Amino acid sequence: MKTGNALILDRCEVERLEADASEVREIIGRRDGEKITIRARIVVLAAGAYFSPVLLLKSGNEFWPNGLANTSDMVGRNLMFHVSDFIAIWPRGKFSKQEPLKTLAFRDFYTHRGMKLGSVQSTGLSAGYGNIVYFLKTAFDRSRWSWLKPVRPLLRIPAYIGSVIFGRATIFATILEDKAYCNNRIVLDPKEPSGMRFDYEVHVELRERISELRNLIKKALTRHRLLVISPEISLNYGHPSGTCRFGTDPASSVLDVNNKAHDLNNLYVVDASFMPTSGGANPSLTIAANAIRVAEHINDTLRRTNN
């Protein structure tokens, strides 16, 4: 910003990338309703794991009938989330609630008997009567007894009794690794306000790993009272990745090892979509670190070109 060479265009939405067979030639957008065109030697796309593939798929033309940089048909595929359970824990014993809360995290079950699970961390949140009522009503609505509507208001009674007996619970969260499946994907859909939807199948192996992690946590914390307050499958839609993954094989990946599109000379993608696996941790710092790495590569490339 100090150099004066950075320009931020606010109130602007990029609609498509115009490209020939080898390079992106123009960025087409609208600012305050007016069409704008931007040209650049290097184009870096970072619209997130949802909308980077959307923009590429919307940018198809005679050179790219299946979408821009999509010779492999991998753009939008391999969509991954995390499964994030929320677990209420009522510790046995007397503990002060007056001091600042401590942040705890452990990875004891990151792998277990060859099975990839994930990490567990405290959220800094606590749960009392209101949270318990919400959980009981949600569980009731999903149960086979949901037709007994008069019973639903009475759930306040056990929630109140539980909060009096057990006090406020500390909320922990799990982050369980998802796996990449080709058919889990972003799809263009003009009927949706966003212009997209995603198709996602919860595989049997994912259900098994969720169950295994829950059982391990319950066993490890057996001396405390705990309750999983998430639904059966709790996908974390804030952690999408994989939809423009990088790799060495152009047939099975969208980007090369430096996040440049295999198919185009001047297009890079540097958001969460590059990740070939989501791992069992929050990916934000990994995404940022990779973006810095790619920026250094682009800088070196431009220096060599200029010289």
C-alpha atoms as a PDB file:
ATOM      1  CA  MET A   1       0.000   0.000   0.000  1.00  0.00           C
ATOM      2  CA  LYS A   2       2.916   2.380   0.762  1.00  0.00           C
ATOM      3  CA  THR A   3       4.206   2.102  -2.822  1.00  0.00           C
ATOM      4  CA  GLY A   4       0.950   3.401  -4.232  1.00  0.00           C
ATOM      5  CA  ASN A   5       0.888   0.444  -6.615  1.00  0.00           C
ATOM      6  CA  ALA A   6      -2.087  -1.268  -4.950  1.00  0.00           C
ATOM      7  CA  LEU A   7      -5.618  -0.320  -5.938  1.00  0.00           C
ATOM      8  CA  ILE A   8      -8.765  -1.669  -4.310  1.00  0.00           C
ATOM      9  CA  LEU A   9     -11.964  -1.479  -6.350  1.00  0.00           C
ATOM     10  CA  ASP A  10     -14.855  -1.469  -3.918  1.00  0.00           C
ATOM     11  CA  ARG A  11     -18.496  -2.081  -4.913  1.00  0.00           C
ATOM     12  CA  CYS A  12     -17.194  -4.277  -7.734  1.00  0.00           C
ATOM     13  CA  GLU A  13     -18.154  -7.820  -8.708  1.00  0.00           C
ATOM     14  CA  VAL A  14     -16.131  -9.868 -11.159  1.00  0.00           C
ATOM     15  CA  GLU A  15     -18.480 -11.692 -13.535  1.00  0.00           C
ATOM     16  CA  ARG A  16     -16.113 -13.673 -15.743  1.00  0.00           C
ATOM     17  CA  LEU A  17     -12.588 -14.086 -17.035  1.00  0.00           C
ATOM     18  CA  GLU A  18     -12.050 -13.807 -20.772  1.00  0.00           C
ATOM     19  CA  ALA A  19      -9.286 -16.086 -22.027  1.00  0.00           C
ATOM     20  CA  ASP A  20      -7.827 -17.465 -25.223  1.00  0.00           C
ATOM     21  CA  ALA A  21      -6.191 -20.873 -25.490  1.00  0.00           C
ATOM     22  CA  SER A  22      -3.180 -19.941 -23.342  1.00  0.00           C
ATOM     23  CA  GLU A  23      -3.857 -16.855 -21.170  1.00  0.00           C
ATOM     24  CA  VAL A  24      -6.476 -14.813 -19.365  1.00  0.00           C
ATOM     25  CA  ARG A  25      -6.809 -11.648 -21.445  1.00  0.00           C
ATOM     26  CA  GLU A  26      -9.428  -9.662 -19.538  1.00  0.00           C
ATOM     27  CA  ILE A  27     -11.272  -9.557 -16.238  1.00  0.00           C
ATOM     28  CA  ILE A  28     -14.890  -8.521 -16.756  1.00  0.00           C
ATOM     29  CA  GLY A  29     -16.797  -7.018 -13.840  1.00  0.00           C
ATOM     30  CA  ARG A  30     -19.383  -4.475 -12.798  1.00  0.00           C
ATOM     31  CA  ARG A  31     -18.863  -1.522 -10.510  1.00  0.00           C
ATOM     32  CA  ASP A  32     -21.933   0.416  -9.434  1.00  0.00           C
ATOM     33  CA  GLY A  33     -23.796  -1.206 -12.329  1.00  0.00           C
ATOM     34  CA  GLU A  34     -21.242  -0.152 -14.950  1.00  0.00           C
ATOM     35  CA  LYS A  35     -19.227  -2.721 -16.867  1.00  0.00           C
ATOM     36  CA  ILE A  36     -15.480  -2.530 -16.297  1.00  0.00           C
ATOM     37  CA  THR A  37     -12.604  -4.356 -17.972  1.00  0.00           C
ATOM     38  CA  ILE A  38      -9.217  -5.016 -16.363  1.00  0.00           C
ATOM     39  CA  ARG A  39      -6.124  -6.400 -18.064  1.00  0.00           C
ATOM     40  CA  ALA A  40      -3.126  -7.859 -16.258  1.00  0.00           C
ATOM     41  CA  ARG A  41       0.003  -9.895 -16.943  1.00  0.00           C
ATOM     42  CA  ILE A  42      -0.785 -12.143 -13.976  1.00  0.00           C
ATOM     43  CA  VAL A  43      -4.294 -12.878 -12.679  1.00  0.00           C
ATOM     44  CA  VAL A  44      -4.664 -14.211  -9.140  1.00  0.00           C
ATOM     45  CA  LEU A  45      -8.056 -15.648  -8.226  1.00  0.00           C
ATOM     46  CA  ALA A  46      -8.984 -15.868  -4.542  1.00  0.00           C
ATOM     47  CA  ALA A  47     -12.775 -15.986  -4.367  1.00  0.00           C
ATOM     48  CA  GLY A  48     -12.862 -18.913  -1.932  1.00  0.00           C
ATOM     49  CA  ALA A  49     -13.450 -22.627  -2.389  1.00  0.00           C
ATOM     50  CA  TYR A  50     -17.096 -21.973  -3.283  1.00  0.00           C
ATOM     51  CA  PHE A  51     -16.783 -19.155  -5.799  1.00  0.00           C
ATOM     52  CA  SER A  52     -13.372 -19.558  -7.415  1.00  0.00           C
ATOM     53  CA  PRO A  53     -14.669 -22.665  -9.222  1.00  0.00           C
ATOM     54  CA  VAL A  54     -17.959 -20.864  -9.940  1.00  0.00           C
ATOM     55  CA  LEU A  55     -16.114 -18.048 -11.700  1.00  0.00           C
ATOM     56  CA  LEU A  56     -14.006 -20.499 -13.712  1.00  0.00           C
ATOM     57  CA  LEU A  57     -17.055 -22.519 -14.744  1.00  0.00           C
ATOM     58  CA  LYS A  58     -18.932 -19.334 -15.742  1.00  0.00           C
ATOM     59  CA  SER A  59     -15.964 -18.246 -17.885  1.00  0.00           C
ATOM     60  CA  GLY A  60     -16.261 -20.997 -20.475  1.00  0.00           C
ATOM     61  CA  ASN A  61     -15.914 -20.066 -24.168  1.00  0.00           C
ATOM     62  CA  GLU A  62     -14.951 -21.663 -27.482  1.00  0.00           C
ATOM     63  CA  PHE A  63     -11.488 -22.444 -26.109  1.00  0.00           C
ATOM     64  CA  TRP A  64     -12.838 -23.731 -22.795  1.00  0.00           C
ATOM     65  CA  PRO A  65     -16.227 -25.398 -23.390  1.00  0.00           C
ATOM     66  CA  ASN A  66     -16.210 -27.067 -19.938  1.00  0.00           C
ATOM     67  CA  GLY A  67     -15.116 -23.953 -18.075  1.00  0.00           C
ATOM     68  CA  LEU A  68     -11.868 -22.065 -17.798  1.00  0.00           C
ATOM     69  CA  ALA A  69      -8.760 -24.122 -16.903  1.00  0.00           C
ATOM     70  CA  ASN A  70     -10.953 -27.219 -16.803  1.00  0.00           C
ATOM     71  CA  THR A  71      -9.372 -29.667 -19.230  1.00  0.00           C
ATOM     72  CA  SER A  72      -9.203 -32.147 -16.352  1.00  0.00           C
ATOM     73  CA  ASP A  73     -12.914 -31.688 -15.464  1.00  0.00           C
ATOM     74  CA  MET A  74     -11.695 -31.227 -11.867  1.00  0.00           C
ATOM     75  CA  VAL A  75     -12.843 -27.604 -11.400  1.00  0.00           C
ATOM     76  CA  GLY A  76     -15.474 -27.664  -8.661  1.00  0.00           C
ATOM     77  CA  ARG A  77     -14.880 -31.309  -7.783  1.00  0.00           C
ATOM     78  CA  ASN A  78     -13.312 -32.858  -4.653  1.00  0.00           C
ATOM     79  CA  LEU A  79     -15.273 -30.517  -2.375  1.00  0.00           C
ATOM     80  CA  MET A  80     -14.359 -31.123   1.271  1.00  0.00           C
ATOM     81  CA  PHE A  81     -15.653 -29.818   4.564  1.00  0.00           C
ATOM     82  CA  HIS A  82     -14.798 -30.562   8.157  1.00  0.00           C
ATOM     83  CA  VAL A  83     -17.125 -32.318  10.564  1.00  0.00           C
ATOM     84  CA  SER A  84     -17.281 -30.179  13.698  1.00  0.00           C
ATOM     85  CA  ASP A  85     -19.151 -31.616  16.651  1.00  0.00           C
ATOM     86  CA  PHE A  86     -19.954 -29.468  19.654  1.00  0.00           C
ATOM     87  CA  ILE A  87     -19.596 -31.289  22.965  1.00  0.00           C
ATOM     88  CA  ALA A  88     -20.862 -29.988  26.312  1.00  0.00           C
ATOM     89  CA  ILE A  89     -18.725 -31.088  29.257  1.00  0.00           C
ATOM     90  CA  TRP A  90     -19.691 -30.680  32.901  1.00  0.00           C
ATOM     91  CA  PRO A  91     -16.474 -31.255  34.891  1.00  0.00           C
ATOM     92  CA  ARG A  92     -16.839 -33.063  38.191  1.00  0.00           C
ATOM     93  CA  GLY A  93     -15.522 -31.220  41.198  1.00  0.00           C
ATOM     94  CA  LYS A  94     -15.511 -27.584  42.213  1.00  0.00           C
ATOM     95  CA  PHE A  95     -13.919 -25.117  39.836  1.00  0.00           C
ATOM     96  CA  SER A  96     -13.847 -21.332  39.899  1.00  0.00           C
ATOM     97  CA  LYS A  97     -15.709 -19.593  37.098  1.00  0.00           C
ATOM     98  CA  GLN A  98     -14.397 -16.171  38.080  1.00  0.00           C
ATOM     99  CA  GLU A  99     -11.013 -16.331  36.367  1.00  0.00           C
ATOM    100  CA  PRO A 100     -10.425 -16.084  32.590  1.00  0.00           C
ATOM    101  CA  LEU A 101     -11.195 -19.267  30.688  1.00  0.00           C
ATOM    102  CA  LYS A 102      -8.243 -21.345  29.538  1.00  0.00           C
ATOM    103  CA  THR A 103      -7.951 -22.503  25.945  1.00  0.00           C
ATOM    104  CA  LEU A 104      -7.351 -26.230  25.650  1.00  0.00           C
ATOM    105  CA  ALA A 105      -6.670 -28.375  22.606  1.00  0.00           C
ATOM    106  CA  PHE A 106      -5.440 -31.900  22.064  1.00  0.00           C
ATOM    107  CA  ARG A 107      -4.649 -34.187  19.123  1.00  0.00           C
ATOM    108  CA  ASP A 108      -4.571 -37.542  20.903  1.00  0.00           C
ATOM    109  CA  PHE A 109      -7.033 -38.994  18.405  1.00  0.00           C
ATOM    110  CA  TYR A 110      -5.731 -37.324  15.241  1.00  0.00           C
ATOM    111  CA  THR A 111      -5.002 -40.816  13.964  1.00  0.00           C
ATOM    112  CA  HIS A 112      -6.287 -43.999  15.534  1.00  0.00           C
ATOM    113  CA  ARG A 113      -5.564 -47.522  14.304  1.00  0.00           C
ATOM    114  CA  GLY A 114      -4.832 -46.216  10.826  1.00  0.00           C
ATOM    115  CA  MET A 115      -7.994 -44.129  10.803  1.00  0.00           C
ATOM    116  CA  LYS A 116      -7.729 -40.349  10.289  1.00  0.00           C
ATOM    117  CA  LEU A 117      -9.836 -38.524  12.817  1.00  0.00           C
ATOM    118  CA  GLY A 118      -9.018 -35.007  14.002  1.00  0.00           C
ATOM    119  CA  SER A 119      -8.417 -32.571  16.834  1.00  0.00           C
ATOM    120  CA  VAL A 120     -10.427 -31.328  19.816  1.00  0.00           C
ATOM    121  CA  GLN A 121     -10.400 -27.795  21.224  1.00  0.00           C
ATOM    122  CA  SER A 122     -12.270 -25.626  23.685  1.00  0.00           C
ATOM    123  CA  THR A 123     -14.382 -22.868  22.199  1.00  0.00           C
ATOM    124  CA  GLY A 124     -14.397 -20.435  25.110  1.00  0.00           C
ATOM    125  CA  LEU A 125     -18.175 -20.797  25.274  1.00  0.00           C
ATOM    126  CA  SER A 126     -20.318 -22.159  28.078  1.00  0.00           C
ATOM    127  CA  ALA A 127     -23.788 -23.669  27.989  1.00  0.00           C
ATOM    128  CA  GLY A 128     -26.607 -23.222  30.452  1.00  0.00           C
ATOM    129  CA  TYR A 129     -30.363 -23.636  30.534  1.00  0.00           C
ATOM    130  CA  GLY A 130     -31.079 -21.938  27.180  1.00  0.00           C
ATOM    131  CA  ASN A 131     -28.560 -24.073  25.293  1.00  0.00           C
ATOM    132  CA  ILE A 132     -29.909 -27.262  26.833  1.00  0.00           C
ATOM    133  CA  VAL A 133     -33.488 -26.352  25.889  1.00  0.00           C
ATOM    134  CA  TYR A 134     -32.392 -25.657  22.325  1.00  0.00           C
ATOM    135  CA  PHE A 135     -30.577 -28.999  22.093  1.00  0.00           C
ATOM    136  CA  LEU A 136     -33.493 -31.003  23.518  1.00  0.00           C
ATOM    137  CA  LYS A 137     -36.005 -29.373  21.182  1.00  0.00           C
ATOM    138  CA  THR A 138     -33.769 -29.910  18.148  1.00  0.00           C
ATOM    139  CA  ALA A 139     -33.256 -33.572  19.055  1.00  0.00           C
ATOM    140  CA  PHE A 140     -37.001 -33.973  19.661  1.00  0.00           C
ATOM    141  CA  ASP A 141     -37.892 -32.438  16.275  1.00  0.00           C
ATOM    142  CA  ARG A 142     -35.627 -34.960  14.536  1.00  0.00           C
ATOM    143  CA  SER A 143     -36.896 -37.959  16.498  1.00  0.00           C
ATOM    144  CA  ARG A 144     -39.712 -40.351  15.690  1.00  0.00           C
ATOM    145  CA  TRP A 145     -41.709 -38.711  18.511  1.00  0.00           C
ATOM    146  CA  SER A 146     -41.837 -35.309  16.823  1.00  0.00           C
ATOM    147  CA  TRP A 147     -45.559 -35.788  16.103  1.00  0.00           C
ATOM    148  CA  LEU A 148     -46.246 -35.476  19.861  1.00  0.00           C
ATOM    149  CA  LYS A 149     -46.334 -31.666  19.687  1.00  0.00           C
ATOM    150  CA  PRO A 150     -47.793 -31.115  23.209  1.00  0.00           C
ATOM    151  CA  VAL A 151     -44.673 -32.727  24.705  1.00  0.00           C
ATOM    152  CA  ARG A 152     -42.272 -30.203  23.157  1.00  0.00           C
ATOM    153  CA  PRO A 153     -42.908 -27.283  25.586  1.00  0.00           C
ATOM    154  CA  LEU A 154     -42.442 -29.671  28.532  1.00  0.00           C
ATOM    155  CA  LEU A 155     -38.789 -30.175  27.561  1.00  0.00           C
ATOM    156  CA  ARG A 156     -38.082 -26.973  29.504  1.00  0.00           C
ATOM    157  CA  ILE A 157     -38.518 -28.969  32.728  1.00  0.00           C
ATOM    158  CA  PRO A 158     -35.628 -31.463  32.304  1.00  0.00           C
ATOM    159  CA  ALA A 159     -33.516 -28.656  30.828  1.00  0.00           C
ATOM    160  CA  TYR A 160     -34.042 -26.547  33.948  1.00  0.00           C
ATOM    161  CA  ILE A 161     -33.410 -29.479  36.302  1.00  0.00           C
ATOM    162  CA  GLY A 162     -30.243 -30.372  34.407  1.00  0.00           C
ATOM    163  CA  SER A 163     -28.907 -26.819  34.525  1.00  0.00           C
ATOM    164  CA  VAL A 164     -29.536 -26.617  38.284  1.00  0.00           C
ATOM    165  CA  ILE A 165     -27.909 -29.962  39.039  1.00  0.00           C
ATOM    166  CA  PHE A 166     -24.952 -29.804  36.668  1.00  0.00           C
ATOM    167  CA  GLY A 167     -24.378 -26.053  36.327  1.00  0.00           C
ATOM    168  CA  ARG A 168     -22.951 -24.521  33.158  1.00  0.00           C
ATOM    169  CA  ALA A 169     -21.079 -26.739  30.749  1.00  0.00           C
ATOM    170  CA  THR A 170     -17.919 -25.882  28.835  1.00  0.00           C
ATOM    171  CA  ILE A 171     -18.254 -26.320  25.078  1.00  0.00           C
ATOM    172  CA  PHE A 172     -15.581 -28.189  23.147  1.00  0.00           C
ATOM    173  CA  ALA A 173     -15.453 -28.613  19.370  1.00  0.00           C
ATOM    174  CA  THR A 174     -13.983 -31.334  17.198  1.00  0.00           C
ATOM    175  CA  ILE A 175     -12.457 -30.848  13.760  1.00  0.00           C
ATOM    176  CA  LEU A 176     -12.546 -34.119  11.870  1.00  0.00           C
ATOM    177  CA  GLU A 177     -10.832 -34.557   8.517  1.00  0.00           C
ATOM    178  CA  ASP A 178     -13.008 -35.024   5.453  1.00  0.00           C
ATOM    179  CA  LYS A 179     -11.822 -36.900   2.378  1.00  0.00           C
ATOM    180  CA  ALA A 180     -11.903 -35.795  -1.239  1.00  0.00           C
ATOM    181  CA  TYR A 181     -14.485 -37.474  -3.467  1.00  0.00           C
ATOM    182  CA  CYS A 182     -14.769 -36.562  -7.128  1.00  0.00           C
ATOM    183  CA  ASN A 183     -18.577 -36.382  -7.085  1.00  0.00           C
ATOM    184  CA  ASN A 184     -18.692 -33.987  -4.125  1.00  0.00           C
ATOM    185  CA  ARG A 185     -18.688 -30.803  -6.145  1.00  0.00           C
ATOM    186  CA  ILE A 186     -19.756 -27.236  -6.853  1.00  0.00           C
ATOM    187  CA  VAL A 187     -22.409 -26.986  -9.590  1.00  0.00           C
ATOM    188  CA  LEU A 188     -23.639 -23.913 -11.463  1.00  0.00           C
ATOM    189  CA  ASP A 189     -27.338 -23.390 -10.787  1.00  0.00           C
ATOM    190  CA  PRO A 190     -29.033 -20.216 -12.111  1.00  0.00           C
ATOM    191  CA  LYS A 191     -32.102 -20.991  -9.985  1.00  0.00           C
ATOM    192  CA  GLU A 192     -30.117 -20.288  -6.816  1.00  0.00           C
ATOM    193  CA  PRO A 193     -29.586 -16.641  -5.721  1.00  0.00           C
ATOM    194  CA  SER A 194     -25.838 -17.287  -5.530  1.00  0.00           C
ATOM    195  CA  GLY A 195     -25.794 -18.950  -8.946  1.00  0.00           C
ATOM    196  CA  MET A 196     -24.454 -22.188  -7.485  1.00  0.00           C
ATOM    197  CA  ARG A 197     -25.211 -25.183  -5.333  1.00  0.00           C
ATOM    198  CA  PHE A 198     -23.091 -28.065  -4.125  1.00  0.00           C
ATOM    199  CA  ASP A 199     -23.715 -31.786  -4.436  1.00  0.00           C
ATOM    200  CA  TYR A 200     -22.346 -33.664  -1.436  1.00  0.00           C
ATOM    201  CA  GLU A 201     -22.682 -37.283  -0.346  1.00  0.00           C
ATOM    202  CA  VAL A 202     -21.883 -38.347   3.215  1.00  0.00           C
ATOM    203  CA  HIS A 203     -20.012 -41.623   2.761  1.00  0.00           C
ATOM    204  CA  VAL A 204     -20.185 -44.588   5.119  1.00  0.00           C
ATOM    205  CA  GLU A 205     -16.523 -44.253   6.073  1.00  0.00           C
ATOM    206  CA  LEU A 206     -17.136 -40.666   7.234  1.00  0.00           C
ATOM    207  CA  ARG A 207     -20.009 -41.765   9.450  1.00  0.00           C
ATOM    208  CA  GLU A 208     -17.775 -44.487  10.913  1.00  0.00           C
ATOM    209  CA  ARG A 209     -14.972 -42.031  11.677  1.00  0.00           C
ATOM    210  CA  ILE A 210     -17.384 -39.567  13.304  1.00  0.00           C
ATOM    211  CA  SER A 211     -18.717 -42.340  15.527  1.00  0.00           C
ATOM    212  CA  GLU A 212     -15.208 -43.532  16.399  1.00  0.00           C
ATOM    213  CA  LEU A 213     -14.037 -40.051  17.421  1.00  0.00           C
ATOM    214  CA  ARG A 214     -17.122 -39.493  19.559  1.00  0.00           C
ATOM    215  CA  ASN A 215     -16.604 -42.840  21.311  1.00  0.00           C
ATOM    216  CA  LEU A 216     -12.926 -42.124  21.968  1.00  0.00           C
ATOM    217  CA  ILE A 217     -13.722 -38.741  23.502  1.00  0.00           C
ATOM    218  CA  LYS A 218     -16.454 -40.211  25.689  1.00  0.00           C
ATOM    219  CA  LYS A 219     -14.084 -42.950  26.866  1.00  0.00           C
ATOM    220  CA  ALA A 220     -11.233 -40.524  27.574  1.00  0.00           C
ATOM    221  CA  LEU A 221     -13.478 -38.149  29.541  1.00  0.00           C
ATOM    222  CA  THR A 222     -15.576 -40.828  31.205  1.00  0.00           C
ATOM    223  CA  ARG A 223     -15.173 -39.323  34.699  1.00  0.00           C
ATOM    224  CA  HIS A 224     -16.935 -36.160  33.526  1.00  0.00           C
ATOM    225  CA  ARG A 225     -20.478 -35.641  32.309  1.00  0.00           C
ATOM    226  CA  LEU A 226     -20.632 -34.863  28.605  1.00  0.00           C
ATOM    227  CA  LEU A 227     -23.167 -34.587  25.838  1.00  0.00           C
ATOM    228  CA  VAL A 228     -22.701 -34.318  22.068  1.00  0.00           C
ATOM    229  CA  ILE A 229     -24.998 -31.420  21.161  1.00  0.00           C
ATOM    230  CA  SER A 230     -24.516 -31.631  17.393  1.00  0.00           C
ATOM    231  CA  PRO A 231     -26.803 -33.456  14.981  1.00  0.00           C
ATOM    232  CA  GLU A 232     -25.779 -36.839  13.567  1.00  0.00           C
ATOM    233  CA  ILE A 233     -23.651 -35.212  10.846  1.00  0.00           C
ATOM    234  CA  SER A 234     -22.460 -31.661  11.522  1.00  0.00           C
ATOM    235  CA  LEU A 235     -20.635 -30.364   8.448  1.00  0.00           C
ATOM    236  CA  ASN A 236     -18.639 -27.178   8.926  1.00  0.00           C
ATOM    237  CA  TYR A 237     -19.607 -25.129   5.877  1.00  0.00           C
ATOM    238  CA  GLY A 238     -17.095 -22.462   6.896  1.00  0.00           C
ATOM    239  CA  HIS A 239     -14.172 -24.762   6.059  1.00  0.00           C
ATOM    240  CA  PRO A 240     -14.689 -25.729   2.390  1.00  0.00           C
ATOM    241  CA  SER A 241     -11.653 -26.703   0.321  1.00  0.00           C
ATOM    242  CA  GLY A 242     -10.411 -28.879  -2.538  1.00  0.00           C
ATOM    243  CA  THR A 243     -12.399 -27.514  -5.483  1.00  0.00           C
ATOM    244  CA  CYS A 244      -9.358 -26.401  -7.553  1.00  0.00           C
ATOM    245  CA  ARG A 245      -6.786 -28.669  -6.000  1.00  0.00           C
ATOM    246  CA  PHE A 246      -3.131 -28.582  -6.913  1.00  0.00           C
ATOM    247  CA  GLY A 247      -0.959 -31.510  -7.954  1.00  0.00           C
ATOM    248  CA  THR A 248       1.661 -32.735 -10.376  1.00  0.00           C
ATOM    249  CA  ASP A 249      -0.757 -34.573 -12.687  1.00  0.00           C
ATOM    250  CA  PRO A 250      -2.817 -32.271 -14.967  1.00  0.00           C
ATOM    251  CA  ALA A 251      -5.333 -35.076 -15.460  1.00  0.00           C
ATOM    252  CA  SER A 252      -6.329 -35.151 -11.783  1.00  0.00           C
ATOM    253  CA  SER A 253      -5.687 -31.575 -10.620  1.00  0.00           C
ATOM    254  CA  VAL A 254      -6.420 -27.992 -11.676  1.00  0.00           C
ATOM    255  CA  LEU A 255      -3.261 -26.253 -10.452  1.00  0.00           C
ATOM    256  CA  ASP A 256       0.448 -27.055 -10.457  1.00  0.00           C
ATOM    257  CA  VAL A 257       2.636 -27.053  -7.329  1.00  0.00           C
ATOM    258  CA  ASN A 258       2.906 -23.246  -7.461  1.00  0.00           C
ATOM    259  CA  ASN A 259      -0.873 -22.838  -7.743  1.00  0.00           C
ATOM    260  CA  LYS A 260      -0.742 -21.828 -11.410  1.00  0.00           C
ATOM    261  CA  ALA A 261      -3.456 -23.346 -13.575  1.00  0.00           C
ATOM    262  CA  HIS A 262      -2.052 -26.256 -15.600  1.00  0.00           C
ATOM    263  CA  ASP A 263      -3.918 -24.995 -18.663  1.00  0.00           C
ATOM    264  CA  LEU A 264      -3.094 -21.266 -18.592  1.00  0.00           C
ATOM    265  CA  ASN A 265       0.158 -19.328 -18.389  1.00  0.00           C
ATOM    266  CA  ASN A 266      -0.965 -16.434 -16.201  1.00  0.00           C
ATOM    267  CA  LEU A 267      -3.738 -17.671 -13.905  1.00  0.00           C
ATOM    268  CA  TYR A 268      -3.165 -18.540 -10.222  1.00  0.00           C
ATOM    269  CA  VAL A 269      -5.669 -19.627  -7.557  1.00  0.00           C
ATOM    270  CA  VAL A 270      -4.568 -19.055  -3.950  1.00  0.00           C
ATOM    271  CA  ASP A 271      -7.556 -19.682  -1.668  1.00  0.00           C
ATOM    272  CA  ALA A 272      -8.733 -22.837   0.127  1.00  0.00           C
ATOM    273  CA  SER A 273      -9.705 -24.508  -3.132  1.00  0.00           C
ATOM    274  CA  PHE A 274      -6.062 -25.500  -3.765  1.00  0.00           C
ATOM    275  CA  MET A 275      -5.927 -27.941  -0.837  1.00  0.00           C
ATOM    276  CA  PRO A 276      -5.891 -31.646  -1.823  1.00  0.00           C
ATOM    277  CA  THR A 277      -6.916 -32.583   1.718  1.00  0.00           C
ATOM    278  CA  SER A 278      -8.500 -30.540   4.479  1.00  0.00           C
ATOM    279  CA  GLY A 279      -6.601 -32.195   7.329  1.00  0.00           C
ATOM    280  CA  GLY A 280      -8.008 -32.210  10.841  1.00  0.00           C
ATOM    281  CA  ALA A 281      -7.368 -28.576  11.794  1.00  0.00           C
ATOM    282  CA  ASN A 282      -8.622 -25.103  10.940  1.00  0.00           C
ATOM    283  CA  PRO A 283      -7.063 -24.443   7.488  1.00  0.00           C
ATOM    284  CA  SER A 284      -6.896 -20.626   7.672  1.00  0.00           C
ATOM    285  CA  LEU A 285      -3.204 -20.287   8.556  1.00  0.00           C
ATOM    286  CA  THR A 286      -2.234 -22.914   5.969  1.00  0.00           C
ATOM    287  CA  ILE A 287      -4.137 -20.992   3.285  1.00  0.00           C
ATOM    288  CA  ALA A 288      -2.451 -17.721   4.287  1.00  0.00           C
ATOM    289  CA  ALA A 289       1.011 -19.300   4.392  1.00  0.00           C
ATOM    290  CA  ASN A 290       0.522 -20.827   0.962  1.00  0.00           C
ATOM    291  CA  ALA A 291      -0.657 -17.493  -0.455  1.00  0.00           C
ATOM    292  CA  ILE A 292       2.569 -15.864   0.787  1.00  0.00           C
ATOM    293  CA  ARG A 293       4.587 -18.692  -0.777  1.00  0.00           C
ATOM    294  CA  VAL A 294       2.819 -18.274  -4.124  1.00  0.00           C
ATOM    295  CA  ALA A 295       3.226 -14.487  -3.974  1.00  0.00           C
ATOM    296  CA  GLU A 296       6.992 -14.937  -3.661  1.00  0.00           C
ATOM    297  CA  HIS A 297       6.966 -17.304  -6.641  1.00  0.00           C
ATOM    298  CA  ILE A 298       4.978 -14.811  -8.737  1.00  0.00           C
ATOM    299  CA  ASN A 299       7.360 -12.023  -7.726  1.00  0.00           C
ATOM    300  CA  ASP A 300      10.370 -14.102  -8.791  1.00  0.00           C
ATOM    301  CA  THR A 301       8.658 -14.981 -12.073  1.00  0.00           C
ATOM    302  CA  LEU A 302       7.973 -11.326 -12.875  1.00  0.00           C
ATOM    303  CA  ARG A 303      11.545 -10.338 -12.012  1.00  0.00           C
ATOM    304  CA  ARG A 304      12.942 -12.969 -14.373  1.00  0.00           C
ATOM    305  CA  THR A 305      10.559 -11.846 -17.107  1.00  0.00           C
ATOM    306  CA  ASN A 306      11.522  -8.190 -16.682  1.00  0.00           C
ATOM    307  CA  ASN A 307      15.209  -9.005 -16.822  1.00  0.00           C
END
